[in-house]
C-alpha atoms as a PDB file:
ATOM      1  CA  GLU A   1       2.864   4.201 -41.397  1.00  0.00           C
ATOM      2  CA  ARG A   2       0.373   2.759 -38.908  1.00  0.00           C
ATOM      3  CA  VAL A   3       1.091  -0.787 -37.731  1.00  0.00           C
ATOM      4  CA  VAL A   4      -1.950  -3.002 -38.150  1.00  0.00           C
ATOM      5  CA  ASP A   5      -2.869  -4.769 -34.900  1.00  0.00           C
ATOM      6  CA  ALA A   6       0.129  -3.388 -32.978  1.00  0.00           C
ATOM      7  CA  ARG A   7      -1.355  -4.665 -29.710  1.00  0.00           C
ATOM      8  CA  GLY A   8      -1.752  -8.219 -30.978  1.00  0.00           C
ATOM      9  CA  ARG A   9       1.737  -8.255 -32.443  1.00  0.00           C
ATOM     10  CA  TYR A  10       3.257  -6.941 -29.216  1.00  0.00           C
ATOM     11  CA  ILE A  11       1.388  -9.551 -27.152  1.00  0.00           C
ATOM     12  CA  GLU A  12       2.808 -12.264 -29.434  1.00  0.00           C
ATOM     13  CA  PHE A  13       6.307 -10.762 -29.150  1.00  0.00           C
ATOM     14  CA  CYS A  14       6.127 -10.832 -25.326  1.00  0.00           C
ATOM     15  CA  LYS A  15       4.978 -14.457 -25.389  1.00  0.00           C
ATOM     16  CA  SER A  16       7.837 -15.330 -27.756  1.00  0.00           C
ATOM     17  CA  THR A  17      10.397 -14.442 -25.045  1.00  0.00           C
ATOM     18  CA  VAL A  18       9.529 -17.632 -23.123  1.00  0.00           C
ATOM     19  CA  PRO A  19       9.673 -21.198 -24.505  1.00  0.00           C
ATOM     20  CA  LEU A  20       6.865 -22.322 -26.744  1.00  0.00           C
ATOM     21  CA  GLY A  21       4.391 -24.327 -24.729  1.00  0.00           C
ATOM     22  CA  LEU A  22       5.189 -22.635 -21.394  1.00  0.00           C
ATOM     23  CA  SER A  23       1.919 -22.694 -19.467  1.00  0.00           C
ATOM     24  CA  LEU A  24       0.876 -20.506 -16.535  1.00  0.00           C
ATOM     25  CA  LYS A  25      -2.206 -22.680 -16.001  1.00  0.00           C
ATOM     26  CA  GLY A  26      -3.059 -23.007 -12.327  1.00  0.00           C
ATOM     27  CA  LEU A  27      -1.417 -19.700 -11.390  1.00  0.00           C
ATOM     28  CA  LYS A  28      -3.524 -16.840 -10.068  1.00  0.00           C
ATOM     29  CA  ILE A  29      -1.733 -13.537 -10.706  1.00  0.00           C
ATOM     30  CA  ALA A  30      -2.700 -10.035  -9.573  1.00  0.00           C
ATOM     31  CA  VAL A  31      -1.532  -7.625 -12.297  1.00  0.00           C
ATOM     32  CA  ASP A  32      -1.306  -3.880 -11.588  1.00  0.00           C
ATOM     33  CA  CYS A  33      -0.811  -1.803 -14.739  1.00  0.00           C
ATOM     34  CA  ALA A  34      -0.553   1.612 -12.975  1.00  0.00           C
ATOM     35  CA  HIS A  35      -3.293   2.930 -15.330  1.00  0.00           C
ATOM     36  CA  GLY A  36      -0.455   3.158 -17.844  1.00  0.00           C
ATOM     37  CA  ALA A  37       1.117   1.726 -20.963  1.00  0.00           C
ATOM     38  CA  THR A  38       0.666  -1.959 -20.102  1.00  0.00           C
ATOM     39  CA  TYR A  39      -3.076  -1.825 -19.275  1.00  0.00           C
ATOM     40  CA  HIS A  40      -4.225  -3.184 -22.646  1.00  0.00           C
ATOM     41  CA  VAL A  41      -1.444  -5.745 -23.061  1.00  0.00           C
ATOM     42  CA  ALA A  42      -0.106  -7.258 -19.819  1.00  0.00           C
ATOM     43  CA  PRO A  43      -3.337  -8.908 -18.572  1.00  0.00           C
ATOM     44  CA  ALA A  44      -3.833 -10.461 -22.043  1.00  0.00           C
ATOM     45  CA  VAL A  45      -0.249 -11.808 -22.161  1.00  0.00           C
ATOM     46  CA  PHE A  46      -0.585 -13.642 -18.848  1.00  0.00           C
ATOM     47  CA  SER A  47      -4.128 -14.890 -19.438  1.00  0.00           C
ATOM     48  CA  GLU A  48      -3.298 -16.129 -22.960  1.00  0.00           C
ATOM     49  CA  LEU A  49      -0.506 -18.180 -21.356  1.00  0.00           C
ATOM     50  CA  GLY A  50      -3.116 -19.745 -19.070  1.00  0.00           C
ATOM     51  CA  ALA A  51      -3.001 -17.696 -15.870  1.00  0.00           C
ATOM     52  CA  ASN A  52      -6.051 -16.581 -13.919  1.00  0.00           C
ATOM     53  CA  VAL A  53      -5.536 -12.773 -13.901  1.00  0.00           C
ATOM     54  CA  VAL A  54      -6.850 -10.321 -11.317  1.00  0.00           C
ATOM     55  CA  LYS A  55      -6.619  -6.890 -12.987  1.00  0.00           C
ATOM     56  CA  LEU A  56      -6.020  -3.590 -11.241  1.00  0.00           C
ATOM     57  CA  GLY A  57      -4.755  -0.218 -12.390  1.00  0.00           C
ATOM     58  CA  ALA A  58      -6.179  -0.956 -15.858  1.00  0.00           C
ATOM     59  CA  ASP A  59      -8.574   1.996 -16.259  1.00  0.00           C
ATOM     60  CA  PRO A  60      -6.550   4.960 -17.538  1.00  0.00           C
ATOM     61  CA  ASP A  61      -8.363   8.284 -17.867  1.00  0.00           C
ATOM     62  CA  GLY A  62      -5.374  10.296 -19.085  1.00  0.00           C
ATOM     63  CA  LEU A  63      -4.649  11.723 -15.649  1.00  0.00           C
ATOM     64  CA  ASN A  64      -4.452   8.799 -13.219  1.00  0.00           C
ATOM     65  CA  ILE A  65      -1.214   7.180 -14.441  1.00  0.00           C
ATOM     66  CA  ASN A  66       0.800   5.866 -11.436  1.00  0.00           C
ATOM     67  CA  LEU A  67      -1.837   7.260  -9.072  1.00  0.00           C
ATOM     68  CA  GLU A  68      -1.731   4.992  -6.001  1.00  0.00           C
ATOM     69  CA  ARG A  69      -1.074   2.086  -8.345  1.00  0.00           C
ATOM     70  CA  GLY A  70       1.855   0.319  -9.971  1.00  0.00           C
ATOM     71  CA  SER A  71       5.441  -0.406  -8.998  1.00  0.00           C
ATOM     72  CA  THR A  72       5.815   2.902  -7.126  1.00  0.00           C
ATOM     73  CA  HIS A  73       2.807   2.014  -4.914  1.00  0.00           C
ATOM     74  CA  PRO A  74       3.247  -1.742  -4.357  1.00  0.00           C
ATOM     75  CA  GLU A  75       0.834  -1.831  -1.430  1.00  0.00           C
ATOM     76  CA  ALA A  76      -2.060  -1.931  -3.941  1.00  0.00           C
ATOM     77  CA  VAL A  77      -0.934  -5.159  -5.631  1.00  0.00           C
ATOM     78  CA  ARG A  78       0.139  -6.591  -2.276  1.00  0.00           C
ATOM     79  CA  ARG A  79      -3.373  -6.060  -0.939  1.00  0.00           C
ATOM     80  CA  ALA A  80      -4.868  -7.692  -4.053  1.00  0.00           C
ATOM     81  CA  VAL A  81      -2.601 -10.756  -3.700  1.00  0.00           C
ATOM     82  CA  LEU A  82      -3.638 -11.299  -0.083  1.00  0.00           C
ATOM     83  CA  GLU A  83      -7.350 -10.578  -0.706  1.00  0.00           C
ATOM     84  CA  HIS A  84      -7.621 -12.915  -3.702  1.00  0.00           C
ATOM     85  CA  GLY A  85      -5.251 -15.607  -2.416  1.00  0.00           C
ATOM     86  CA  ALA A  86      -3.101 -15.112  -5.521  1.00  0.00           C
ATOM     87  CA  ASP A  87       0.151 -16.978  -6.145  1.00  0.00           C
ATOM     88  CA  LEU A  88       1.919 -13.704  -6.877  1.00  0.00           C
ATOM     89  CA  GLY A  89       1.448 -10.093  -7.881  1.00  0.00           C
ATOM     90  CA  ILE A  90       3.076  -8.131 -10.691  1.00  0.00           C
ATOM     91  CA  ALA A  91       3.160  -4.324 -10.737  1.00  0.00           C
ATOM     92  CA  PHE A  92       4.415  -2.205 -13.626  1.00  0.00           C
ATOM     93  CA  ASP A  93       5.166   1.498 -13.701  1.00  0.00           C
ATOM     94  CA  GLY A  94       3.293   3.899 -15.972  1.00  0.00           C
ATOM     95  CA  ASP A  95       5.485   3.516 -19.058  1.00  0.00           C
ATOM     96  CA  GLY A  96       5.890  -0.217 -18.564  1.00  0.00           C
ATOM     97  CA  ASP A  97       9.678  -0.543 -18.398  1.00  0.00           C
ATOM     98  CA  ARG A  98       9.822  -1.325 -14.673  1.00  0.00           C
ATOM     99  CA  VAL A  99       8.345  -4.208 -12.718  1.00  0.00           C
ATOM    100  CA  ILE A 100       8.228  -5.308  -9.098  1.00  0.00           C
ATOM    101  CA  MET A 101       6.571  -8.448  -7.764  1.00  0.00           C
ATOM    102  CA  VAL A 102       4.842  -9.645  -4.613  1.00  0.00           C
ATOM    103  CA  ASP A 103       4.976 -13.252  -3.430  1.00  0.00           C
ATOM    104  CA  SER A 104       2.008 -15.188  -2.059  1.00  0.00           C
ATOM    105  CA  ARG A 105       2.917 -14.098   1.486  1.00  0.00           C
ATOM    106  CA  GLY A 106       2.687 -10.425   0.539  1.00  0.00           C
ATOM    107  CA  GLU A 107       6.452  -9.820   0.546  1.00  0.00           C
ATOM    108  CA  ILE A 108       7.684  -7.368  -2.093  1.00  0.00           C
ATOM    109  CA  LEU A 109      10.500  -8.340  -4.464  1.00  0.00           C
ATOM    110  CA  ASP A 110      12.396  -5.409  -5.950  1.00  0.00           C
ATOM    111  CA  GLY A 111      14.547  -5.315  -9.083  1.00  0.00           C
ATOM    112  CA  ASP A 112      17.609  -6.752  -7.316  1.00  0.00           C
ATOM    113  CA  GLU A 113      15.736  -9.873  -6.227  1.00  0.00           C
ATOM    114  CA  LEU A 114      14.084 -10.311  -9.626  1.00  0.00           C
ATOM    115  CA  LEU A 115      17.467  -9.929 -11.328  1.00  0.00           C
ATOM    116  CA  TYR A 116      18.868 -12.646  -9.051  1.00  0.00           C
ATOM    117  CA  ILE A 117      16.007 -15.027  -9.940  1.00  0.00           C
ATOM    118  CA  ILE A 118      16.436 -14.394 -13.684  1.00  0.00           C
ATOM    119  CA  ALA A 119      20.224 -14.851 -13.438  1.00  0.00           C
ATOM    120  CA  ARG A 120      19.774 -18.209 -11.686  1.00  0.00           C
ATOM    121  CA  GLU A 121      17.223 -19.283 -14.283  1.00  0.00           C
ATOM    122  CA  ARG A 122      19.603 -18.357 -17.107  1.00  0.00           C
ATOM    123  CA  GLN A 123      22.429 -20.176 -15.349  1.00  0.00           C
ATOM    124  CA  ALA A 124      20.374 -23.366 -15.220  1.00  0.00           C
ATOM    125  CA  SER A 125      19.709 -23.361 -18.967  1.00  0.00           C
ATOM    126  CA  THR A 126      22.659 -21.463 -20.487  1.00  0.00           C
ATOM    127  CA  GLU A 127      25.909 -19.858 -19.424  1.00  0.00           C
ATOM    128  CA  VAL A 128      25.705 -16.489 -17.678  1.00  0.00           C
ATOM    129  CA  ALA A 129      28.971 -14.571 -18.006  1.00  0.00           C
ATOM    130  CA  GLY A 130      27.921 -11.794 -15.675  1.00  0.00           C
ATOM    131  CA  VAL A 131      25.297  -9.354 -14.453  1.00  0.00           C
ATOM    132  CA  VAL A 132      25.423  -5.548 -14.422  1.00  0.00           C
ATOM    133  CA  GLY A 133      23.833  -3.613 -11.577  1.00  0.00           C
ATOM    134  CA  THR A 134      24.305  -0.028 -10.419  1.00  0.00           C
ATOM    135  CA  GLN A 135      25.957   1.774  -7.537  1.00  0.00           C
ATOM    136  CA  MET A 136      22.636   1.436  -5.694  1.00  0.00           C
ATOM    137  CA  SER A 137      22.191  -2.329  -6.231  1.00  0.00           C
ATOM    138  CA  ASN A 138      22.010  -4.149  -2.912  1.00  0.00           C
ATOM    139  CA  LEU A 139      25.233  -5.774  -1.694  1.00  0.00           C
ATOM    140  CA  GLY A 140      23.158  -8.903  -1.045  1.00  0.00           C
ATOM    141  CA  LEU A 141      22.747  -9.295  -4.832  1.00  0.00           C
ATOM    142  CA  GLU A 142      26.495  -9.072  -5.403  1.00  0.00           C
ATOM    143  CA  HIS A 143      27.209 -11.645  -2.676  1.00  0.00           C
ATOM    144  CA  ALA A 144      24.433 -14.030  -3.779  1.00  0.00           C
ATOM    145  CA  LEU A 145      25.693 -13.998  -7.384  1.00  0.00           C
ATOM    146  CA  ALA A 146      29.283 -14.526  -6.218  1.00  0.00           C
ATOM    147  CA  ASP A 147      28.117 -17.553  -4.205  1.00  0.00           C
ATOM    148  CA  VAL A 148      26.920 -19.229  -7.414  1.00  0.00           C
ATOM    149  CA  GLY A 149      29.876 -18.133  -9.549  1.00  0.00           C
ATOM    150  CA  ILE A 150      28.272 -15.273 -11.494  1.00  0.00           C
ATOM    151  CA  ALA A 151      30.343 -12.119 -12.015  1.00  0.00           C
ATOM    152  CA  PHE A 152      28.793  -8.782 -11.043  1.00  0.00           C
ATOM    153  CA  GLU A 153      29.726  -5.250 -12.034  1.00  0.00           C
ATOM    154  CA  ARG A 154      28.283  -1.883 -11.052  1.00  0.00           C
ATOM    155  CA  ALA A 155      27.501   0.913 -13.498  1.00  0.00           C
ATOM    156  CA  LYS A 156      26.407   4.456 -12.695  1.00  0.00           C
ATOM    157  CA  VAL A 157      22.733   4.825 -11.758  1.00  0.00           C
ATOM    158  CA  GLY A 158      20.555   4.942 -14.869  1.00  0.00           C
ATOM    159  CA  ASP A 159      19.436   2.264 -17.311  1.00  0.00           C
ATOM    160  CA  ARG A 160      21.497   3.775 -20.146  1.00  0.00           C
ATOM    161  CA  TYR A 161      24.673   3.193 -18.114  1.00  0.00           C
ATOM    162  CA  VAL A 162      23.621  -0.394 -17.402  1.00  0.00           C
ATOM    163  CA  LEU A 163      23.011  -0.935 -21.122  1.00  0.00           C
ATOM    164  CA  GLU A 164      26.360   0.667 -21.989  1.00  0.00           C
ATOM    165  CA  ARG A 165      28.237  -1.659 -19.624  1.00  0.00           C
ATOM    166  CA  LEU A 166      26.355  -4.728 -20.879  1.00  0.00           C
ATOM    167  CA  ARG A 167      27.403  -3.915 -24.430  1.00  0.00           C
ATOM    168  CA  GLU A 168      31.022  -3.288 -23.382  1.00  0.00           C
ATOM    169  CA  ARG A 169      31.173  -6.676 -21.659  1.00  0.00           C
ATOM    170  CA  SER A 170      29.011  -8.546 -24.203  1.00  0.00           C
ATOM    171  CA  TRP A 171      26.754  -9.630 -21.330  1.00  0.00           C
ATOM    172  CA  CYS A 172      22.981 -10.014 -21.527  1.00  0.00           C
ATOM    173  CA  LEU A 173      21.544  -9.329 -18.111  1.00  0.00           C
ATOM    174  CA  GLY A 174      21.434  -6.177 -16.005  1.00  0.00           C
ATOM    175  CA  GLY A 175      19.131  -3.888 -14.104  1.00  0.00           C
ATOM    176  CA  GLU A 176      18.317  -1.541 -11.274  1.00  0.00           C
ATOM    177  CA  SER A 177      16.709  -1.947  -7.860  1.00  0.00           C
ATOM    178  CA  SER A 178      13.717   0.024  -9.183  1.00  0.00           C
ATOM    179  CA  GLY A 179      12.751  -2.973 -11.321  1.00  0.00           C
ATOM    180  CA  HIS A 180      14.143  -1.714 -14.608  1.00  0.00           C
ATOM    181  CA  ILE A 181      15.651  -4.957 -15.927  1.00  0.00           C
ATOM    182  CA  ILE A 182      17.345  -5.499 -19.276  1.00  0.00           C
ATOM    183  CA  CYS A 183      17.471  -8.967 -20.871  1.00  0.00           C
ATOM    184  CA  LEU A 184      19.432  -8.401 -24.084  1.00  0.00           C
ATOM    185  CA  ASP A 185      18.997 -12.041 -25.067  1.00  0.00           C
ATOM    186  CA  ARG A 186      15.247 -11.347 -25.319  1.00  0.00           C
ATOM    187  CA  THR A 187      14.872  -7.690 -26.289  1.00  0.00           C
ATOM    188  CA  THR A 188      16.906  -4.504 -26.780  1.00  0.00           C
ATOM    189  CA  THR A 189      15.635  -2.445 -23.859  1.00  0.00           C
ATOM    190  CA  GLY A 190      13.983  -2.645 -20.453  1.00  0.00           C
ATOM    191  CA  ASP A 191      10.492  -4.148 -20.782  1.00  0.00           C
ATOM    192  CA  GLY A 192       8.487  -4.888 -17.636  1.00  0.00           C
ATOM    193  CA  ILE A 193       6.271  -7.550 -19.224  1.00  0.00           C
ATOM    194  CA  VAL A 194       9.256  -9.405 -20.708  1.00  0.00           C
ATOM    195  CA  SER A 195      11.106  -9.214 -17.371  1.00  0.00           C
ATOM    196  CA  ALA A 196       8.060 -10.538 -15.490  1.00  0.00           C
ATOM    197  CA  LEU A 197       7.767 -13.437 -17.948  1.00  0.00           C
ATOM    198  CA  GLN A 198      11.399 -14.444 -17.301  1.00  0.00           C
ATOM    199  CA  VAL A 199      10.630 -14.709 -13.569  1.00  0.00           C
ATOM    200  CA  LEU A 200       7.434 -16.670 -14.258  1.00  0.00           C
ATOM    201  CA  MET A 201       9.441 -19.023 -16.475  1.00  0.00           C
ATOM    202  CA  ALA A 202      11.744 -19.709 -13.504  1.00  0.00           C
ATOM    203  CA  MET A 203       8.721 -20.411 -11.282  1.00  0.00           C
ATOM    204  CA  VAL A 204       7.231 -22.874 -13.772  1.00  0.00           C
ATOM    205  CA  ARG A 205      10.504 -24.641 -14.573  1.00  0.00           C
ATOM    206  CA  GLU A 206      11.497 -24.985 -10.926  1.00  0.00           C
ATOM    207  CA  GLY A 207       7.967 -25.697  -9.750  1.00  0.00           C
ATOM    208  CA  SER A 208       8.703 -23.303  -6.871  1.00  0.00           C
ATOM    209  CA  PRO A 209       6.854 -20.310  -5.424  1.00  0.00           C
ATOM    210  CA  LEU A 210       8.499 -16.881  -5.570  1.00  0.00           C
ATOM    211  CA  HIS A 211       9.553 -16.826  -1.912  1.00  0.00           C
ATOM    212  CA  GLU A 212      11.613 -19.979  -2.483  1.00  0.00           C
ATOM    213  CA  LEU A 213      13.251 -18.657  -5.651  1.00  0.00           C
ATOM    214  CA  LYS A 214      14.487 -15.541  -3.861  1.00  0.00           C
ATOM    215  CA  ALA A 215      15.698 -17.461  -0.796  1.00  0.00           C
ATOM    216  CA  GLY A 216      19.282 -17.667  -2.085  1.00  0.00           C
ATOM    217  CA  MET A 217      19.635 -13.902  -1.762  1.00  0.00           C
ATOM    218  CA  THR A 218      19.535 -11.960   1.490  1.00  0.00           C
ATOM    219  CA  LYS A 219      19.099  -8.217   1.141  1.00  0.00           C
ATOM    220  CA  TYR A 220      21.314  -6.088   3.358  1.00  0.00           C
ATOM    221  CA  PRO A 221      19.735  -3.176   5.218  1.00  0.00           C
ATOM    222  CA  GLN A 222      20.438   0.183   3.548  1.00  0.00           C
ATOM    223  CA  HIS A 223      20.054   3.650   5.015  1.00  0.00           C
ATOM    224  CA  MET A 224      20.305   6.860   3.010  1.00  0.00           C
ATOM    225  CA  VAL A 225      20.547  10.439   4.233  1.00  0.00           C
ATOM    226  CA  ASN A 226      20.359  13.443   1.897  1.00  0.00           C
ATOM    227  CA  VAL A 227      22.691  16.346   2.705  1.00  0.00           C
ATOM    228  CA  ARG A 228      21.853  19.674   1.067  1.00  0.00           C
ATOM    229  CA  LEU A 229      24.697  21.445  -0.705  1.00  0.00           C
ATOM    230  CA  ASP A 230      25.330  25.155  -0.812  1.00  0.00           C
ATOM    231  CA  GLY A 231      26.627  25.740  -4.330  1.00  0.00           C
ATOM    232  CA  ALA A 232      29.308  23.578  -5.925  1.00  0.00           C
ATOM    233  CA  PHE A 233      30.954  21.141  -3.536  1.00  0.00           C
ATOM    234  CA  ASP A 234      33.156  18.167  -4.374  1.00  0.00           C
ATOM    235  CA  VAL A 235      32.966  15.534  -1.624  1.00  0.00           C
ATOM    236  CA  THR A 236      36.112  13.842  -2.938  1.00  0.00           C
ATOM    237  CA  GLN A 237      38.197  16.921  -2.113  1.00  0.00           C
ATOM    238  CA  SER A 238      37.453  16.991   1.628  1.00  0.00           C
ATOM    239  CA  ALA A 239      40.006  15.313   3.924  1.00  0.00           C
ATOM    240  CA  ALA A 240      37.442  15.118   6.771  1.00  0.00           C
ATOM    241  CA  ILE A 241      34.914  13.305   4.547  1.00  0.00           C
ATOM    242  CA  SER A 242      37.563  10.915   3.174  1.00  0.00           C
ATOM    243  CA  LYS A 243      38.645  10.094   6.723  1.00  0.00           C
ATOM    244  CA  GLY A 244      35.025   9.484   7.828  1.00  0.00           C
ATOM    245  CA  VAL A 245      34.324   7.231   4.842  1.00  0.00           C
ATOM    246  CA  ALA A 246      37.526   5.236   5.416  1.00  0.00           C
ATOM    247  CA  ALA A 247      36.638   4.695   9.089  1.00  0.00           C
ATOM    248  CA  ALA A 248      33.112   3.510   8.216  1.00  0.00           C
ATOM    249  CA  GLU A 249      34.452   1.177   5.502  1.00  0.00           C
ATOM    250  CA  ARG A 250      36.972  -0.297   7.944  1.00  0.00           C
ATOM    251  CA  GLU A 251      34.212  -1.023  10.439  1.00  0.00           C
ATOM    252  CA  LEU A 252      31.938  -2.622   7.825  1.00  0.00           C
ATOM    253  CA  GLY A 253      34.680  -4.679   6.155  1.00  0.00           C
ATOM    254  CA  ASP A 254      33.396  -7.039   3.461  1.00  0.00           C
ATOM    255  CA  ASN A 255      29.923  -7.010   4.993  1.00  0.00           C
ATOM    256  CA  GLY A 256      28.981  -3.483   4.047  1.00  0.00           C
ATOM    257  CA  ARG A 257      29.367  -0.555   1.711  1.00  0.00           C
ATOM    258  CA  VAL A 258      29.513   3.235   1.815  1.00  0.00           C
ATOM    259  CA  LEU A 259      28.412   5.381  -1.115  1.00  0.00           C
ATOM    260  CA  LEU A 260      28.430   9.177  -1.425  1.00  0.00           C
ATOM    261  CA  ARG A 261      26.589  10.138  -4.572  1.00  0.00           C
ATOM    262  CA  PRO A 262      25.775  13.663  -5.747  1.00  0.00           C
ATOM    263  CA  SER A 263      22.177  13.917  -6.938  1.00  0.00           C
ATOM    264  CA  GLY A 264      21.782  14.477 -10.665  1.00  0.00           C
ATOM    265  CA  THR A 265      18.694  16.634 -10.198  1.00  0.00           C
ATOM    266  CA  GLU A 266      19.045  18.548  -6.903  1.00  0.00           C
ATOM    267  CA  PRO A 267      21.844  20.250  -4.920  1.00  0.00           C
ATOM    268  CA  LEU A 268      22.225  17.188  -2.676  1.00  0.00           C
ATOM    269  CA  VAL A 269      24.722  14.525  -1.738  1.00  0.00           C
ATOM    270  CA  ARG A 270      23.160  11.163  -0.967  1.00  0.00           C
ATOM    271  CA  VAL A 271      24.982   9.390   1.847  1.00  0.00           C
ATOM    272  CA  MET A 272      24.200   5.665   1.709  1.00  0.00           C
ATOM    273  CA  VAL A 273      25.456   2.968   4.061  1.00  0.00           C
ATOM    274  CA  GLU A 274      24.689  -0.720   3.726  1.00  0.00           C
ATOM    275  CA  GLY A 275      25.555  -3.575   6.075  1.00  0.00           C
ATOM    276  CA  ARG A 276      24.294  -6.530   8.077  1.00  0.00           C
ATOM    277  CA  ASP A 277      23.104  -4.662  11.196  1.00  0.00           C
ATOM    278  CA  PHE A 278      20.442  -2.019  10.495  1.00  0.00           C
ATOM    279  CA  ASP A 279      20.943  -0.032  13.713  1.00  0.00           C
ATOM    280  CA  ARG A 280      24.681   0.267  13.073  1.00  0.00           C
ATOM    281  CA  VAL A 281      24.084   1.048   9.381  1.00  0.00           C
ATOM    282  CA  ARG A 282      21.697   3.859  10.297  1.00  0.00           C
ATOM    283  CA  ALA A 283      24.089   5.254  12.933  1.00  0.00           C
ATOM    284  CA  LEU A 284      27.020   5.232  10.493  1.00  0.00           C
ATOM    285  CA  ALA A 285      24.928   6.948   7.796  1.00  0.00           C
ATOM    286  CA  GLU A 286      23.865   9.684  10.246  1.00  0.00           C
ATOM    287  CA  GLU A 287      27.474  10.160  11.439  1.00  0.00           C
ATOM    288  CA  LEU A 288      28.770  10.431   7.875  1.00  0.00           C
ATOM    289  CA  ALA A 289      25.962  12.802   6.913  1.00  0.00           C
ATOM    290  CA  ASP A 290      26.980  15.063   9.834  1.00  0.00           C
ATOM    291  CA  ILE A 291      30.609  15.012   8.661  1.00  0.00           C
ATOM    292  CA  VAL A 292      29.524  15.931   5.116  1.00  0.00           C
ATOM    293  CA  ALA A 293      27.211  18.704   6.379  1.00  0.00           C
ATOM    294  CA  ASN A 294      29.998  20.154   8.569  1.00  0.00           C
ATOM    295  CA  ALA A 295      32.439  20.123   5.637  1.00  0.00           C
ATOM    296  CA  VAL A 296      29.854  21.858   3.406  1.00  0.00           C
ATOM    297  CA  ASN A 297      29.161  24.507   6.079  1.00  0.00           C
ATOM    298  CA  ALA A 298      32.878  25.084   6.698  1.00  0.00           C
ATOM    299  CA  LYS A 299      33.481  25.659   2.976  1.00  0.00           C
ATOM    300  CA  SER A 300      30.576  28.083   2.594  1.00  0.00           C
ATOM    301  CA  ALA A 301      31.692  29.970   5.739  1.00  0.00           C
ATOM    302  CA  ALA A 302      35.235  30.233   4.327  1.00  0.00           C
ATOM    303  CA  SER A 303      33.957  31.538   0.993  1.00  0.00           C
END
């Protein structure tokens, strides 16, 4: 059965996820819809709440979805923010479940930073038991949440694993660095417009620009190297790899992280190192990638 005025009803639903009377008056927002699912809805949501909206990526032709627009190409909304002197920019992906933002200075905020802002906003008005991220969430998010007494847990990469963990813990807030954020106290799934509205609510309530709201979190440099696999290879079974990982973890201490993650789609192992010093992080990632590659080659030579 066809829903009458589905667009209008969805716009009203989005607006219902922020307090009645919340006004975005006085805010100029660049909104990039990636020529996708949000093109007919997102600009209306923000303008109906009082914002001055600069639209881009809102002319889908059936083929141009995500084409040089949206959250996967944030330079487009960044350019629009700087050109129009906007207070912020919001960019969705093609199907509208992910969002990234740009502050008035042109600095990009990814899902980790947006999750931090929403968690702090929730903490100010209600109790936040904890936040779920993934194995790829920045260590800076974990540390920033710990500093304000909010628990943090990591799920496997993928929004379904985040959702699973949220339900297990009876928590409401989780997400991924990509900008896929889940606010179970507002809706049942990741929704980019709803997520963006939660950040805007924090801006209005605090009376602070985006760059100030994210200031409590410092992202750690990350470096990732992909190592190609030759057939089946279990990184956990190699003594040389385990030794290399242990040495890197010792050097990083509490100020860094090492992650070896097999790709779910390609015959690759992703070697990721995170820490305070980018040069050292990059060097450690390259060293570990060499160790993994040597172990892979040794196994294929032996077989």
